[in-house]
């Protein structure tokens, strides 16, 4: 009886090891695939003319500026 239990435990361990060996190349391939960065929309600041990624800009009244300083300059020019 004890011999059968040992046999089936060893058989299960052998199947597990074979399954892991078969699975490892797929896992390594997925890890080694290069990840392409997302493209970001570039826009131009209406005040200073510098180009920057739209997501990095400062939005005020529907207009995108490269920095808070340029946004303040534009708001000051509108008030004068």
C-alpha atoms as a PDB file:
ATOM      1  CA  UNK A   1       0.000   0.000   0.000  1.00  0.00           C
ATOM      2  CA  UNK A   2       2.776   2.439   0.937  1.00  0.00           C
ATOM      3  CA  UNK A   3       4.593   1.609  -2.318  1.00  0.00           C
ATOM      4  CA  UNK A   4       1.554   2.630  -4.400  1.00  0.00           C
ATOM      5  CA  UNK A   5       1.308   5.992  -2.594  1.00  0.00           C
ATOM      6  CA  UNK A   6       5.001   6.695  -3.184  1.00  0.00           C
ATOM      7  CA  UNK A   7       4.624   5.665  -6.835  1.00  0.00           C
ATOM      8  CA  UNK A   8       1.713   8.042  -7.466  1.00  0.00           C
ATOM      9  CA  UNK A   9       3.385  10.925  -5.599  1.00  0.00           C
ATOM     10  CA  UNK A  10       6.530  10.470  -7.697  1.00  0.00           C
ATOM     11  CA  UNK A  11       4.449  10.178 -10.873  1.00  0.00           C
ATOM     12  CA  UNK A  12       2.629  13.414 -10.022  1.00  0.00           C
ATOM     13  CA  UNK A  13       5.938  15.147  -9.284  1.00  0.00           C
ATOM     14  CA  UNK A  14       7.362  13.938 -12.603  1.00  0.00           C
ATOM     15  CA  UNK A  15       4.335  15.228 -14.530  1.00  0.00           C
ATOM     16  CA  UNK A  16       4.577  18.580 -12.739  1.00  0.00           C
ATOM     17  CA  UNK A  17       8.280  18.950 -13.624  1.00  0.00           C
ATOM     18  CA  UNK A  18       7.626  18.079 -17.273  1.00  0.00           C
ATOM     19  CA  UNK A  19       4.752  20.580 -17.409  1.00  0.00           C
ATOM     20  CA  UNK A  20       6.989  23.321 -15.965  1.00  0.00           C
ATOM     21  CA  UNK A  21       9.745  22.613 -18.498  1.00  0.00           C
ATOM     22  CA  UNK A  22       7.267  22.822 -21.353  1.00  0.00           C
ATOM     23  CA  UNK A  23       5.824  26.084 -19.983  1.00  0.00           C
ATOM     24  CA  UNK A  24       9.121  27.939 -19.295  1.00  0.00           C
ATOM     25  CA  UNK A  25      10.053  28.856 -22.916  1.00  0.00           C
ATOM     26  CA  UNK A  26       6.669  30.553 -23.355  1.00  0.00           C
ATOM     27  CA  UNK A  27       7.089  32.560 -20.165  1.00  0.00           C
ATOM     28  CA  UNK A  28      10.634  33.624 -21.089  1.00  0.00           C
ATOM     29  CA  UNK A  29       9.495  34.646 -24.582  1.00  0.00           C
ATOM     30  CA  UNK A  30       6.707  36.825 -23.167  1.00  0.00           C
ATOM     31  CA  UNK A  31       9.157  38.515 -20.791  1.00  0.00           C
ATOM     32  CA  UNK A  32      11.697  39.224 -23.526  1.00  0.00           C
ATOM     33  CA  UNK A  33       9.282  40.841 -25.988  1.00  0.00           C
ATOM     34  CA  UNK A  34      10.013  44.580 -26.226  1.00  0.00           C
ATOM     35  CA  UNK A  35       7.269  46.909 -25.092  1.00  0.00           C
ATOM     36  CA  UNK A  36       6.554  49.741 -27.496  1.00  0.00           C
ATOM     37  CA  UNK A  37       5.952  53.094 -25.815  1.00  0.00           C
ATOM     38  CA  UNK A  38       2.699  54.861 -26.534  1.00  0.00           C
ATOM     39  CA  UNK A  39       2.871  57.795 -28.910  1.00  0.00           C
ATOM     40  CA  UNK A  40       1.887  61.100 -27.379  1.00  0.00           C
ATOM     41  CA  UNK A  41       0.312  63.971 -29.256  1.00  0.00           C
ATOM     42  CA  UNK A  42       2.696  66.904 -29.548  1.00  0.00           C
ATOM     43  CA  UNK A  43       1.344  70.472 -29.443  1.00  0.00           C
ATOM     44  CA  UNK A  44       2.888  73.932 -29.583  1.00  0.00           C
ATOM     45  CA  UNK A  45       2.609  76.485 -26.795  1.00  0.00           C
ATOM     46  CA  UNK A  46       0.783  79.582 -28.095  1.00  0.00           C
ATOM     47  CA  UNK A  47       2.940  81.877 -25.937  1.00  0.00           C
ATOM     48  CA  UNK A  48       6.551  80.724 -26.313  1.00  0.00           C
ATOM     49  CA  UNK A  49       6.247  78.331 -29.274  1.00  0.00           C
ATOM     50  CA  UNK A  50       7.882  75.326 -27.628  1.00  0.00           C
ATOM     51  CA  UNK A  51       6.589  71.857 -28.572  1.00  0.00           C
ATOM     52  CA  UNK A  52       5.580  69.482 -25.765  1.00  0.00           C
ATOM     53  CA  UNK A  53       3.446  66.407 -25.127  1.00  0.00           C
ATOM     54  CA  UNK A  54      -0.175  67.436 -24.726  1.00  0.00           C
ATOM     55  CA  UNK A  55      -0.607  65.355 -21.570  1.00  0.00           C
ATOM     56  CA  UNK A  56       2.227  67.289 -19.868  1.00  0.00           C
ATOM     57  CA  UNK A  57       0.691  70.686 -20.541  1.00  0.00           C
ATOM     58  CA  UNK A  58      -1.345  73.079 -18.412  1.00  0.00           C
ATOM     59  CA  UNK A  59      -4.963  73.477 -19.536  1.00  0.00           C
ATOM     60  CA  UNK A  60      -6.682  76.835 -19.017  1.00  0.00           C
ATOM     61  CA  UNK A  61      -9.945  77.781 -20.736  1.00  0.00           C
ATOM     62  CA  UNK A  62      -9.549  75.042 -23.355  1.00  0.00           C
ATOM     63  CA  UNK A  63      -6.016  76.077 -24.352  1.00  0.00           C
ATOM     64  CA  UNK A  64      -2.899  74.049 -23.563  1.00  0.00           C
ATOM     65  CA  UNK A  65       0.264  75.813 -22.417  1.00  0.00           C
ATOM     66  CA  UNK A  66       3.711  74.309 -21.811  1.00  0.00           C
ATOM     67  CA  UNK A  67       3.928  75.628 -18.250  1.00  0.00           C
ATOM     68  CA  UNK A  68       2.025  77.554 -15.618  1.00  0.00           C
ATOM     69  CA  UNK A  69       4.283  80.539 -16.357  1.00  0.00           C
ATOM     70  CA  UNK A  70       3.134  80.687 -19.998  1.00  0.00           C
ATOM     71  CA  UNK A  71      -0.483  80.240 -18.899  1.00  0.00           C
ATOM     72  CA  UNK A  72      -0.104  83.171 -16.498  1.00  0.00           C
ATOM     73  CA  UNK A  73       1.466  85.315 -19.254  1.00  0.00           C
ATOM     74  CA  UNK A  74      -1.447  84.520 -21.581  1.00  0.00           C
ATOM     75  CA  UNK A  75      -4.025  85.319 -18.899  1.00  0.00           C
ATOM     76  CA  UNK A  76      -2.228  88.595 -18.089  1.00  0.00           C
ATOM     77  CA  UNK A  77      -2.204  89.571 -21.758  1.00  0.00           C
ATOM     78  CA  UNK A  78      -5.958  88.910 -22.021  1.00  0.00           C
ATOM     79  CA  UNK A  79      -6.687  91.118 -18.997  1.00  0.00           C
ATOM     80  CA  UNK A  80      -4.640  94.104 -20.252  1.00  0.00           C
END
